[in-house]
Amino acid sequence: MDSFDADALIQFLGDPLVLEEGQEFEFSQRRNRVDGFDEEAIAQLLCTPGQDFAQIAVGRRVRIKRTSMTTLTQTWMTLLLSNVLPRDHNSDFPLPKCQLVYAILTRMSVHVAQVIANAIYLFAGMPPTRHPLDPDKSNRAMGFPALITGLC
């Protein structure tokens, strides 16, 4: 496989959901709308009772801390961060990734190959971060280990 776009990943992963011409996946439609996701509903589904998103000073929800997540949310976070959306730590989950878990748990249609292709594009373009104690070492997560293993 020379390319890592959505079509190449579909070929590798297979695509069990076929949409009609002009039809979009529900997750993509919601992500593209300003009012696409109800953050209250996300917090109620992903957080333990009485917990909510961590917020910035202006009151905008930005992430859910691991300690505020349900066990099911923590399980999905670990799966996604290990295989689909790599990240260098797993102490919290930013809002866009929470939207993906919410979409999965509420059975929205999700174009997984497109999600992975977008993540590869973003991951490949990130500047390397340096280890705080040894500047010759990178402190960045290994991206897509399951996909790399499968392709090998």
Protein backbone atom coordinates (compact mmCIF):
# COMPACT_ATOMS: atom_id res chain seq x y z
CA MET A 1 0.00 0.00 0.00
CA ASP A 2 1.60 3.24 -1.15
CA SER A 3 -1.07 5.60 0.12
CA PHE A 4 -2.67 6.15 3.52
CA ASP A 5 -5.82 7.93 2.38
CA ALA A 6 -9.31 6.70 3.25
CA ASP A 7 -9.65 4.62 0.06
CA ALA A 8 -6.37 2.78 0.70
CA LEU A 9 -7.38 2.10 4.30
CA ILE A 10 -10.80 0.86 3.17
CA GLN A 11 -9.03 -1.58 0.88
CA PHE A 12 -6.93 -2.82 3.81
CA LEU A 13 -9.63 -2.76 6.51
CA GLY A 14 -12.65 -3.57 4.40
CA ASP A 15 -15.76 -1.39 4.55
CA PRO A 16 -18.89 -3.18 5.75
CA LEU A 17 -21.14 -0.13 5.44
CA VAL A 18 -21.91 1.05 1.92
CA LEU A 19 -23.66 4.38 1.54
CA GLU A 20 -25.69 5.59 -1.39
CA GLU A 21 -24.46 8.43 -3.60
CA GLY A 22 -24.44 11.70 -1.63
CA GLN A 23 -25.18 9.99 1.69
CA GLU A 24 -22.83 10.79 4.59
CA PHE A 25 -21.95 8.98 7.76
CA GLU A 26 -23.90 10.40 10.70
CA PHE A 27 -20.73 11.06 12.72
CA SER A 28 -19.24 13.14 9.86
CA GLN A 29 -22.47 15.07 9.41
CA ARG A 30 -22.61 15.95 13.09
CA ARG A 31 -18.92 16.93 13.25
CA ASN A 32 -19.46 19.35 10.37
CA ARG A 33 -22.40 21.14 12.03
CA VAL A 34 -21.97 23.84 14.66
CA ASP A 35 -24.72 22.31 16.80
CA GLY A 36 -23.80 18.73 15.90
CA PHE A 37 -23.19 17.26 19.35
CA ASP A 38 -24.98 17.90 22.63
CA GLU A 39 -22.16 18.21 25.16
CA GLU A 40 -24.57 17.60 28.06
CA ALA A 41 -25.60 14.28 26.51
CA ILE A 42 -21.94 13.36 25.95
CA ALA A 43 -21.08 14.15 29.58
CA GLN A 44 -24.06 12.14 30.87
CA LEU A 45 -23.07 9.08 28.81
CA LEU A 46 -19.28 9.17 29.24
CA CYS A 47 -18.86 10.50 32.79
CA THR A 48 -19.62 8.92 36.13
CA PRO A 49 -22.60 10.49 37.95
CA GLY A 50 -21.80 13.96 39.23
CA GLN A 51 -18.77 14.38 36.94
CA ASP A 52 -18.41 16.56 33.85
CA PHE A 53 -15.88 17.81 31.33
CA ALA A 54 -12.87 19.79 32.53
CA GLN A 55 -13.48 23.35 31.42
CA ILE A 56 -11.30 26.30 30.53
CA ALA A 57 -11.78 29.71 32.11
CA VAL A 58 -14.50 30.83 29.69
CA GLY A 59 -16.59 27.76 30.54
CA ARG A 60 -15.95 25.88 27.32
CA ARG A 61 -15.76 22.12 27.73
CA VAL A 62 -12.41 20.80 26.53
CA ARG A 63 -11.81 17.27 27.84
CA ILE A 64 -12.87 14.56 30.25
CA LYS A 65 -10.32 13.43 32.80
CA ARG A 66 -9.84 9.67 33.20
CA THR A 67 -10.94 9.89 36.84
CA SER A 68 -14.33 11.28 35.71
CA MET A 69 -15.01 8.57 33.10
CA THR A 70 -17.14 5.49 33.34
CA THR A 71 -15.34 2.16 33.00
CA LEU A 72 -16.84 1.71 29.53
CA THR A 73 -15.53 5.13 28.45
CA GLN A 74 -12.06 4.29 29.80
CA THR A 75 -12.11 1.02 27.85
CA TRP A 76 -13.06 2.77 24.60
CA MET A 77 -10.47 5.49 25.25
CA THR A 78 -7.72 2.87 25.66
CA LEU A 79 -8.80 1.03 22.51
CA LEU A 80 -8.99 4.20 20.42
CA LEU A 81 -5.72 5.68 21.69
CA SER A 82 -3.91 2.39 21.07
CA ASN A 83 -5.25 1.66 17.61
CA VAL A 84 -7.11 4.53 15.96
CA LEU A 85 -6.18 7.92 17.41
CA PRO A 86 -2.67 7.75 18.94
CA ARG A 87 -1.76 10.12 21.73
CA ASP A 88 1.26 10.41 23.99
CA HIS A 89 -0.78 10.10 27.20
CA ASN A 90 -4.12 8.76 28.37
CA SER A 91 -4.95 10.81 31.45
CA ASP A 92 -7.75 12.65 29.67
CA PHE A 93 -9.78 12.60 26.47
CA PRO A 94 -10.30 15.80 24.43
CA LEU A 95 -13.79 16.78 23.25
CA PRO A 96 -13.41 15.62 19.60
CA LYS A 97 -12.40 12.14 20.75
CA CYS A 98 -15.26 12.14 23.27
CA GLN A 99 -17.59 12.87 20.35
CA LEU A 100 -16.28 9.77 18.59
CA VAL A 101 -16.86 7.54 21.63
CA TYR A 102 -20.33 9.05 22.01
CA ALA A 103 -21.05 8.30 18.34
CA ILE A 104 -19.90 4.69 18.77
CA LEU A 105 -21.90 4.12 21.96
CA THR A 106 -25.07 5.65 20.46
CA ARG A 107 -24.60 3.55 17.28
CA MET A 108 -24.08 6.39 14.82
CA SER A 109 -22.53 5.40 11.52
CA VAL A 110 -18.79 6.19 11.56
CA HIS A 111 -16.40 6.03 8.60
CA VAL A 112 -13.52 4.44 10.53
CA ALA A 113 -11.13 4.49 7.56
CA GLN A 114 -11.65 8.26 7.20
CA VAL A 115 -11.13 8.80 10.94
CA ILE A 116 -7.84 6.86 10.74
CA ALA A 117 -6.74 8.62 7.53
CA ASN A 118 -7.37 12.03 9.15
CA ALA A 119 -5.46 10.96 12.26
CA ILE A 120 -2.51 9.73 10.16
CA TYR A 121 -2.42 13.07 8.33
CA LEU A 122 -2.44 15.03 11.60
CA PHE A 123 0.00 12.67 13.33
CA ALA A 124 2.51 12.78 10.46
CA GLY A 125 2.46 16.58 10.44
CA MET A 126 3.06 17.02 14.17
CA PRO A 127 6.50 18.26 15.14
CA PRO A 128 8.37 15.80 17.33
CA THR A 129 8.34 16.58 21.03
CA ARG A 130 11.51 16.08 23.00
CA HIS A 131 11.93 14.06 26.15
CA PRO A 132 12.24 16.47 29.12
CA LEU A 133 15.39 14.77 30.49
CA ASP A 134 17.12 13.65 27.30
CA PRO A 135 16.68 16.08 24.36
CA ASP A 136 18.07 13.49 21.92
CA LYS A 137 15.04 11.27 22.54
CA SER A 138 11.53 11.83 21.24
CA ASN A 139 8.66 11.90 23.72
CA ARG A 140 6.04 11.15 21.06
CA ALA A 141 3.71 8.15 21.02
CA MET A 142 4.18 5.47 18.40
CA GLY A 143 1.40 6.00 15.89
CA PHE A 144 -0.93 3.24 14.78
CA PRO A 145 0.87 0.12 16.10
CA ALA A 146 -2.02 -2.23 15.22
CA LEU A 147 -2.23 -0.86 11.68
CA ILE A 148 1.54 -1.11 11.21
CA THR A 149 1.49 -4.71 12.48
CA GLY A 150 -1.40 -5.59 10.17
CA LEU A 151 0.27 -4.07 7.15
CA CYS A 152 3.50 -5.98 7.90
